[in-house]
Amino acid sequence: MDVVSGEDASLLQSATQRLLVAALRLYLDLRSRPRPLLRHLARKPATPADWSAVDPRAVPVAAVQMELTLVKSASQYADMCYEACRQAAATGALLVAFPEDVATHLLGLLPGIERMAGAAGLGAGAGAGATGAAGPSIKVADVFRLMGPAMRRIYVTTFSYLARAFRVYIAAGSAVLPATGDGRPVRGAPPPPVYNEAHLFDPWGEIVGRQRKLHLLPMEEEWGVEPGSELSVFGTPIGRVAMPVCMDSTFFETFRIVDALWGDIVVIPAANPEEYSFWKASRGIWPRVQESTVYGISSCMVGEVLGLKLTGRSGIFAPLELSPRGDGVLAQLDDPHRPGVIAARVDLVALRELREKRRASRPSRAMWRELSTAYGEYRARCGKSRARP
């Protein structure tokens, strides 16, 4: 009787895993074809927004609070996004904001995702992966690399169509995706980095803005997600828009940089993996809006799936001077656990007037010169410390 050596068994297992991954990629490619998805969406009614008389003193915007559930098909995902966008567009919104991790629903397309998520350690407080009897650990980033091509196709196809059909700008939350389009490994090269990246679609369905999350949760770092390195502001006919992601709003520098870049509206897609607390929520978008001179839109993901419990109260915020009740809140959902849509109008003329008034008494250039020097030195020290063995 032939005996298979340990080395031969390892090679056989490796070959089997490669065949399985190739089969999964083919399966996901078939499940994510754009044409059937576009035909499905085309059957749904959509009333285009009216851009004929846009008033900069009353620009309508809306925030979507969405429930995270695993879907079994691209059409099911598109239905969820369509219904949320339809409700937001019905308020007259010209800018519709979606939550963080808005493509994570699509993990449901992957057969055995619940078992794989357990092996990868997906969940609050979980590690980067686990090693079991079946073989080496599965990292969460590897799952997103495998799903990357299918998730990107469905995500982009869906939101591009919705933006075009409703003739609105869509800040389409963020999606955890590999940096390259297909996420496939290249022999001899390291795997592509995975980022949590926000996207802005214009009313013609084109992507006109991308923003990678700058400040990761410890959980995301354990997963193998990489942080971004730049903060951008994108010009639109309804104001200059920035899209820092979730934890980015807990640092005052994020909003002050947007303010310095003449940003008007800061959209924060969020997915907080914790029980809702008013005091914890208060460390985010509301104080940042007050410290700067911008409007803020927070769109939260809620629900419980794969060991993650997400909560939040989506809302639209303004400087105290520009809010009717003087509390900095233009509109906010009450329930931190259920999906919904909230809308308000923002006055860009009053915002810019207030910014000029504040800047007249703020030594902003000197402050940013000093901060830039300090951050440059800090970044250099971090780079040296990481390079040490």
Protein backbone atom coordinates (compact mmCIF):
# COMPACT_ATOMS: atom_id res chain seq x y z
CA MET A 1 0.00 0.00 0.00
CA ASP A 2 1.36 3.42 -0.99
CA VAL A 3 1.86 5.90 1.78
CA VAL A 4 1.41 9.61 1.04
CA SER A 5 4.20 11.64 2.60
CA GLY A 6 3.52 14.75 4.63
CA GLU A 7 4.98 16.92 1.85
CA ASP A 8 2.81 15.24 -0.81
CA ALA A 9 -0.29 15.64 1.38
CA SER A 10 0.49 19.32 1.82
CA LEU A 11 0.88 19.80 -1.94
CA LEU A 12 -2.38 17.95 -2.56
CA GLN A 13 -4.19 20.11 -0.03
CA SER A 14 -2.73 23.27 -1.59
CA ALA A 15 -3.82 22.18 -5.08
CA THR A 16 -7.31 21.36 -3.80
CA GLN A 17 -7.60 24.80 -2.19
CA ARG A 18 -6.54 26.51 -5.43
CA LEU A 19 -9.16 24.56 -7.39
CA LEU A 20 -11.81 25.49 -4.81
CA VAL A 21 -10.92 29.18 -4.98
CA ALA A 22 -10.98 29.08 -8.79
CA ALA A 23 -14.43 27.44 -8.72
CA LEU A 24 -15.71 30.04 -6.25
CA ARG A 25 -14.41 32.87 -8.44
CA LEU A 26 -16.20 31.45 -11.47
CA TYR A 27 -19.40 31.01 -9.44
CA LEU A 28 -19.21 34.60 -8.15
CA ASP A 29 -18.50 35.95 -11.63
CA LEU A 30 -21.71 34.33 -12.86
CA ARG A 31 -23.72 35.67 -9.90
CA SER A 32 -22.50 39.25 -10.41
CA ARG A 33 -23.06 39.84 -14.12
CA PRO A 34 -24.14 43.46 -14.71
CA ARG A 35 -26.64 42.89 -17.54
CA PRO A 36 -29.21 40.82 -15.60
CA LEU A 37 -28.92 43.27 -12.71
CA LEU A 38 -29.50 46.27 -14.98
CA ARG A 39 -32.53 44.59 -16.56
CA HIS A 40 -33.92 43.97 -13.07
CA LEU A 41 -33.43 47.59 -12.01
CA ALA A 42 -34.84 48.94 -15.28
CA ARG A 43 -38.24 47.46 -14.41
CA LYS A 44 -38.51 49.69 -11.33
CA PRO A 45 -40.08 53.17 -11.51
CA ALA A 46 -37.81 56.14 -10.80
CA THR A 47 -38.69 59.83 -10.86
CA PRO A 48 -35.67 62.00 -11.75
CA ALA A 49 -34.88 64.89 -9.41
CA ASP A 50 -35.76 68.42 -10.50
CA TRP A 51 -32.59 70.45 -11.05
CA SER A 52 -34.31 73.34 -12.79
CA ALA A 53 -34.45 75.65 -9.79
CA VAL A 54 -31.76 74.67 -7.29
CA ASP A 55 -31.64 77.20 -4.45
CA PRO A 56 -28.25 77.36 -2.68
CA ARG A 57 -30.09 78.64 0.39
CA ALA A 58 -32.13 75.43 0.62
CA VAL A 59 -30.29 72.44 -0.83
CA PRO A 60 -32.21 69.21 -0.06
CA VAL A 61 -30.13 66.32 1.28
CA ALA A 62 -31.00 62.95 2.83
CA ALA A 63 -29.34 60.27 4.96
CA VAL A 64 -30.15 56.56 4.71
CA GLN A 65 -30.03 54.34 7.78
CA MET A 66 -29.75 50.80 6.45
CA GLU A 67 -29.97 47.34 7.99
CA LEU A 68 -27.06 44.97 7.43
CA THR A 69 -28.36 41.59 6.31
CA LEU A 70 -26.80 38.95 4.10
CA VAL A 71 -28.40 38.74 0.65
CA LYS A 72 -28.57 35.69 -1.57
CA SER A 73 -28.61 37.46 -4.94
CA ALA A 74 -27.51 40.65 -6.65
CA SER A 75 -31.15 41.54 -7.35
CA GLN A 76 -32.04 41.26 -3.65
CA TYR A 77 -29.22 43.69 -2.85
CA ALA A 78 -30.32 46.05 -5.60
CA ASP A 79 -33.90 45.97 -4.26
CA MET A 80 -32.71 47.10 -0.81
CA CYS A 81 -30.64 49.94 -2.21
CA TYR A 82 -33.37 50.97 -4.65
CA GLU A 83 -36.05 51.22 -1.95
CA ALA A 84 -33.80 53.30 0.31
CA CYS A 85 -32.88 55.60 -2.59
CA ARG A 86 -36.52 55.89 -3.69
CA GLN A 87 -37.58 57.00 -0.21
CA ALA A 88 -34.73 59.53 -0.05
CA ALA A 89 -35.44 60.87 -3.54
CA ALA A 90 -39.13 61.25 -2.62
CA THR A 91 -38.08 63.94 -0.11
CA GLY A 92 -36.64 65.97 -2.99
CA ALA A 93 -33.04 65.24 -1.99
CA LEU A 94 -30.32 66.03 -4.52
CA LEU A 95 -27.64 64.37 -2.39
CA VAL A 96 -28.37 60.96 -0.85
CA ALA A 97 -25.92 59.45 1.66
CA PHE A 98 -25.60 55.72 2.43
CA PRO A 99 -23.79 54.03 5.37
CA GLU A 100 -20.38 52.46 5.82
CA ASP A 101 -19.92 48.81 4.76
CA VAL A 102 -22.82 49.11 2.35
CA ALA A 103 -21.47 46.29 0.17
CA THR A 104 -20.97 43.83 3.04
CA HIS A 105 -24.50 42.51 2.44
CA LEU A 106 -23.01 40.78 -0.61
CA LEU A 107 -20.95 38.39 1.51
CA GLY A 108 -24.16 36.36 1.54
CA LEU A 109 -23.41 35.32 -2.05
CA LEU A 110 -20.48 33.25 -0.82
CA PRO A 111 -21.46 29.65 -0.03
CA GLY A 112 -20.62 28.75 3.57
CA ILE A 113 -19.98 32.36 4.59
CA GLU A 114 -21.15 31.74 8.17
CA ARG A 115 -18.58 28.98 8.65
CA MET A 116 -15.89 30.96 6.85
CA ALA A 117 -16.63 34.08 8.92
CA GLY A 118 -16.19 32.07 12.09
CA ALA A 119 -12.83 30.74 10.89
CA ALA A 120 -11.73 34.21 9.83
CA GLY A 121 -12.68 35.74 13.18
CA LEU A 122 -15.22 38.16 11.79
CA GLY A 123 -16.90 40.02 14.61
CA ALA A 124 -16.27 42.66 17.22
CA GLY A 125 -13.31 41.74 19.34
CA ALA A 126 -12.31 38.89 17.04
CA GLY A 127 -8.79 38.34 15.85
CA ALA A 128 -7.42 38.32 12.32
CA GLY A 129 -7.99 34.63 11.74
CA ALA A 130 -8.03 31.18 13.18
CA THR A 131 -6.14 28.00 12.49
CA GLY A 132 -8.06 24.76 12.62
CA ALA A 133 -7.68 21.18 11.63
CA ALA A 134 -8.64 21.99 8.07
CA GLY A 135 -5.50 24.01 7.47
CA PRO A 136 -4.05 27.51 7.75
CA SER A 137 -5.95 30.52 9.00
CA ILE A 138 -8.38 32.46 6.84
CA LYS A 139 -8.01 36.21 7.20
CA VAL A 140 -10.96 38.54 6.79
CA ALA A 141 -8.99 40.52 4.20
CA ASP A 142 -8.63 37.29 2.17
CA VAL A 143 -12.41 36.86 2.18
CA PHE A 144 -12.83 40.38 0.79
CA ARG A 145 -10.11 39.74 -1.78
CA LEU A 146 -12.00 36.66 -2.94
CA MET A 147 -15.31 38.55 -3.02
CA GLY A 148 -13.79 41.76 -4.39
CA PRO A 149 -14.56 41.42 -8.11
CA ALA A 150 -18.19 40.37 -7.56
CA MET A 151 -18.82 42.92 -4.83
CA ARG A 152 -17.35 45.75 -6.89
CA ARG A 153 -19.40 44.87 -9.99
CA ILE A 154 -22.70 44.68 -8.10
CA TYR A 155 -21.99 47.71 -5.91
CA VAL A 156 -20.92 49.97 -8.78
CA THR A 157 -23.63 48.73 -11.16
CA THR A 158 -26.35 49.28 -8.55
CA PHE A 159 -25.37 52.75 -7.38
CA SER A 160 -24.42 53.97 -10.83
CA TYR A 161 -27.88 53.02 -12.08
CA LEU A 162 -29.69 54.55 -9.08
CA ALA A 163 -27.80 57.84 -9.35
CA ARG A 164 -28.62 58.01 -13.06
CA ALA A 165 -32.25 56.93 -12.70
CA PHE A 166 -33.08 59.36 -9.88
CA ARG A 167 -30.70 62.08 -11.19
CA VAL A 168 -29.08 62.59 -7.79
CA TYR A 169 -25.64 62.60 -6.27
CA ILE A 170 -25.17 59.47 -4.18
CA ALA A 171 -22.52 59.23 -1.49
CA ALA A 172 -22.67 55.45 -1.72
CA GLY A 173 -21.38 54.68 1.74
CA SER A 174 -18.18 52.67 1.76
CA ALA A 175 -17.16 49.23 0.60
CA VAL A 176 -14.30 46.99 1.78
CA LEU A 177 -12.55 46.10 -1.46
CA PRO A 178 -9.09 45.14 -2.72
CA ALA A 179 -7.13 47.96 -4.35
CA THR A 180 -7.08 46.17 -7.71
CA GLY A 181 -10.23 45.43 -9.65
CA ASP A 182 -10.10 41.63 -9.48
CA GLY A 183 -8.29 41.01 -6.19
CA ARG A 184 -6.59 37.96 -7.69
CA PRO A 185 -3.11 37.09 -6.42
CA VAL A 186 -0.19 37.54 -8.78
CA ARG A 187 2.52 34.88 -8.60
CA GLY A 188 5.50 36.23 -6.71
CA ALA A 189 3.72 39.43 -5.67
CA PRO A 190 2.14 40.27 -2.30
CA PRO A 191 -1.67 40.19 -2.17
CA PRO A 192 -3.32 43.50 -3.08
CA PRO A 193 -4.12 45.74 -0.09
CA VAL A 194 -7.74 45.94 1.06
CA TYR A 195 -9.25 49.36 1.84
CA ASN A 196 -12.52 50.62 3.27
CA GLU A 197 -13.36 53.10 0.51
CA ALA A 198 -16.22 55.56 0.06
CA HIS A 199 -17.53 56.50 -3.42
CA LEU A 200 -19.44 59.48 -4.79
CA PHE A 201 -21.65 59.00 -7.87
CA ASP A 202 -22.93 61.93 -9.92
CA PRO A 203 -26.41 62.17 -11.56
CA TRP A 204 -24.98 60.58 -14.72
CA GLY A 205 -23.87 57.50 -12.82
CA GLU A 206 -20.15 58.27 -12.93
CA ILE A 207 -17.83 57.89 -9.94
CA VAL A 208 -16.55 61.41 -9.25
CA GLY A 209 -14.99 60.85 -5.83
CA ARG A 210 -13.22 58.17 -3.82
CA GLN A 211 -12.12 58.36 -0.19
CA ARG A 212 -10.29 55.65 1.73
CA LYS A 213 -10.87 55.38 5.47
CA LEU A 214 -7.98 57.02 7.29
CA HIS A 215 -8.48 55.88 10.90
CA LEU A 216 -9.27 52.20 11.28
CA LEU A 217 -10.92 50.43 14.17
CA PRO A 218 -8.61 47.95 15.94
CA MET A 219 -10.94 45.25 14.60
CA GLU A 220 -10.30 46.40 11.01
CA GLU A 221 -6.56 46.40 11.57
CA GLU A 222 -6.81 42.82 12.83
CA TRP A 223 -8.80 41.92 9.75
CA GLY A 224 -5.94 43.10 7.53
CA VAL A 225 -7.59 46.28 6.16
CA GLU A 226 -5.13 49.06 5.25
CA PRO A 227 -5.66 52.77 6.11
CA GLY A 228 -5.83 55.49 3.47
CA SER A 229 -3.43 58.43 3.47
CA GLU A 230 -5.22 61.38 1.84
CA LEU A 231 -8.35 63.45 2.49
CA SER A 232 -10.15 64.93 -0.51
CA VAL A 233 -12.98 67.39 -1.20
CA PHE A 234 -15.11 67.01 -4.34
CA GLY A 235 -16.80 69.88 -6.16
CA THR A 236 -20.49 69.55 -7.10
CA PRO A 237 -23.20 72.05 -8.11
CA ILE A 238 -24.67 71.67 -4.60
CA GLY A 239 -21.52 72.32 -2.63
CA ARG A 240 -18.08 70.89 -2.02
CA VAL A 241 -18.42 67.42 -0.50
CA ALA A 242 -16.02 65.34 1.61
CA MET A 243 -16.57 61.71 2.64
CA PRO A 244 -14.33 60.68 5.57
CA VAL A 245 -15.44 57.32 6.94
CA CYS A 246 -16.79 56.59 10.44
CA MET A 247 -13.82 56.78 12.85
CA ASP A 248 -12.37 59.64 10.83
CA SER A 249 -15.00 61.88 12.43
CA THR A 250 -13.61 61.31 15.93
CA PHE A 251 -10.56 63.44 15.11
CA PHE A 252 -11.00 67.20 14.91
CA GLU A 253 -8.25 67.50 12.31
CA THR A 254 -10.39 65.70 9.71
CA PHE A 255 -13.10 68.36 9.67
CA ARG A 256 -10.71 71.26 10.09
CA ILE A 257 -8.80 70.10 7.02
CA VAL A 258 -12.08 69.92 5.07
CA ASP A 259 -12.91 73.41 6.31
CA ALA A 260 -9.50 74.66 5.20
CA LEU A 261 -10.16 73.12 1.76
CA TRP A 262 -13.44 75.09 1.56
CA GLY A 263 -15.59 72.01 2.00
CA ASP A 264 -19.30 72.62 2.60
CA ILE A 265 -20.81 69.21 3.40
CA VAL A 266 -19.06 66.38 5.21
CA VAL A 267 -20.74 63.01 4.70
CA ILE A 268 -19.84 60.41 7.34
CA PRO A 269 -20.82 56.83 6.46
CA ALA A 270 -20.74 54.89 9.73
CA ALA A 271 -21.08 51.33 11.05
CA ASN A 272 -20.51 51.34 14.81
CA PRO A 273 -20.05 47.80 16.22
CA GLU A 274 -21.36 48.56 19.71
CA GLU A 275 -24.55 49.16 21.66
CA TYR A 276 -25.81 52.68 21.08
CA SER A 277 -24.73 55.30 23.61
CA PHE A 278 -25.56 58.98 23.30
CA TRP A 279 -22.27 59.87 24.97
CA LYS A 280 -20.17 57.68 22.72
CA ALA A 281 -22.01 59.03 19.68
CA SER A 282 -21.22 62.55 20.90
CA ARG A 283 -17.52 62.01 20.24
CA GLY A 284 -18.22 61.99 16.50
CA ILE A 285 -19.89 64.20 13.93
CA TRP A 286 -21.77 66.73 16.14
CA PRO A 287 -18.74 68.28 17.88
CA ARG A 288 -16.73 68.17 14.65
CA VAL A 289 -19.39 70.26 12.88
CA GLN A 290 -19.32 72.80 15.72
CA GLU A 291 -15.53 73.07 15.70
CA SER A 292 -15.52 73.68 11.96
CA THR A 293 -17.82 75.54 9.60
CA VAL A 294 -19.47 72.76 7.62
CA TYR A 295 -22.69 70.79 7.45
CA GLY A 296 -22.50 67.14 8.47
CA ILE A 297 -24.49 64.14 7.26
CA SER A 298 -24.20 60.89 9.21
CA SER A 299 -25.56 57.69 7.63
CA CYS A 300 -25.48 54.66 9.91
CA MET A 301 -25.57 50.93 9.30
CA VAL A 302 -27.65 49.01 11.86
CA GLY A 303 -28.50 45.37 12.52
CA GLU A 304 -26.81 42.21 13.72
CA VAL A 305 -25.05 39.71 11.46
CA LEU A 306 -22.01 37.40 11.62
CA GLY A 307 -21.39 38.33 15.26
CA LEU A 308 -21.46 42.07 14.59
CA LYS A 309 -24.07 44.28 16.26
CA LEU A 310 -24.31 47.70 14.63
CA THR A 311 -26.20 50.74 15.95
CA GLY A 312 -26.48 54.44 15.22
CA ARG A 313 -28.79 57.41 14.68
CA SER A 314 -28.43 58.94 11.24
CA GLY A 315 -28.79 62.69 11.08
CA ILE A 316 -28.04 66.00 9.42
CA PHE A 317 -26.11 68.56 11.46
CA ALA A 318 -25.21 72.24 11.23
CA PRO A 319 -23.26 74.87 13.16
CA LEU A 320 -25.32 76.12 16.10
CA GLU A 321 -25.86 79.46 14.39
CA LEU A 322 -27.48 77.75 11.38
CA SER A 323 -29.84 75.36 13.18
CA PRO A 324 -33.42 76.54 13.87
CA ARG A 325 -33.43 75.28 17.48
CA GLY A 326 -29.89 76.39 18.16
CA ASP A 327 -28.82 72.81 18.98
CA GLY A 328 -26.80 71.98 15.85
CA VAL A 329 -29.32 69.35 14.69
CA LEU A 330 -31.37 69.84 11.53
CA ALA A 331 -32.88 66.33 11.54
CA GLN A 332 -32.11 63.00 13.19
CA LEU A 333 -33.68 59.56 13.39
CA ASP A 334 -34.88 58.45 16.83
CA ASP A 335 -34.30 54.69 16.70
CA PRO A 336 -30.64 53.51 16.70
CA HIS A 337 -31.62 49.95 15.73
CA ARG A 338 -34.02 50.26 12.80
CA PRO A 339 -33.56 51.40 9.18
CA GLY A 340 -35.03 54.68 7.96
CA VAL A 341 -34.48 57.86 5.96
CA ILE A 342 -34.05 61.41 7.28
CA ALA A 343 -33.96 64.61 5.20
CA ALA A 344 -33.32 68.33 5.60
CA ARG A 345 -32.26 71.41 3.65
CA VAL A 346 -28.90 73.12 4.04
CA ASP A 347 -28.16 76.81 3.42
CA LEU A 348 -24.83 77.08 1.61
CA VAL A 349 -24.99 80.87 1.38
CA ALA A 350 -25.36 81.29 5.14
CA LEU A 351 -22.66 78.67 5.73
CA ARG A 352 -20.12 80.52 3.60
CA GLU A 353 -20.98 83.83 5.20
CA LEU A 354 -20.44 82.29 8.63
CA ARG A 355 -17.13 80.78 7.49
CA GLU A 356 -15.84 84.17 6.34
CA LYS A 357 -16.88 85.73 9.64
CA ARG A 358 -15.13 83.04 11.67
CA ARG A 359 -11.97 83.06 9.56
CA ALA A 360 -11.55 86.76 10.12
CA SER A 361 -10.81 86.00 13.77
CA ARG A 362 -9.03 82.63 13.40
CA PRO A 363 -5.25 82.35 12.84
CA SER A 364 -5.79 79.40 10.51
CA ARG A 365 -2.68 79.71 8.34
CA ALA A 366 -0.31 79.79 11.30
CA MET A 367 -2.16 76.93 12.94
CA TRP A 368 -2.02 74.71 9.87
CA ARG A 369 1.65 75.49 9.30
CA GLU A 370 2.46 74.33 12.82
CA LEU A 371 0.19 71.28 12.61
CA SER A 372 1.64 70.26 9.23
CA THR A 373 5.15 70.37 10.68
CA ALA A 374 4.12 68.39 13.76
CA TYR A 375 2.27 65.74 11.75
CA GLY A 376 5.17 65.41 9.32
CA GLU A 377 7.57 64.74 12.18
CA TYR A 378 5.15 62.26 13.77
CA ARG A 379 4.68 60.40 10.50
CA ALA A 380 8.44 60.17 10.02
CA ARG A 381 8.86 58.72 13.53
CA CYS A 382 6.09 56.17 12.87
CA GLY A 383 7.77 55.12 9.64
CA LYS A 384 11.09 54.58 11.41
CA SER A 385 9.50 52.58 14.22
CA ARG A 386 7.73 50.30 11.75
CA ALA A 387 10.96 49.71 9.86
CA ARG A 388 12.69 48.34 12.95
CA PRO A 389 13.11 44.53 13.13
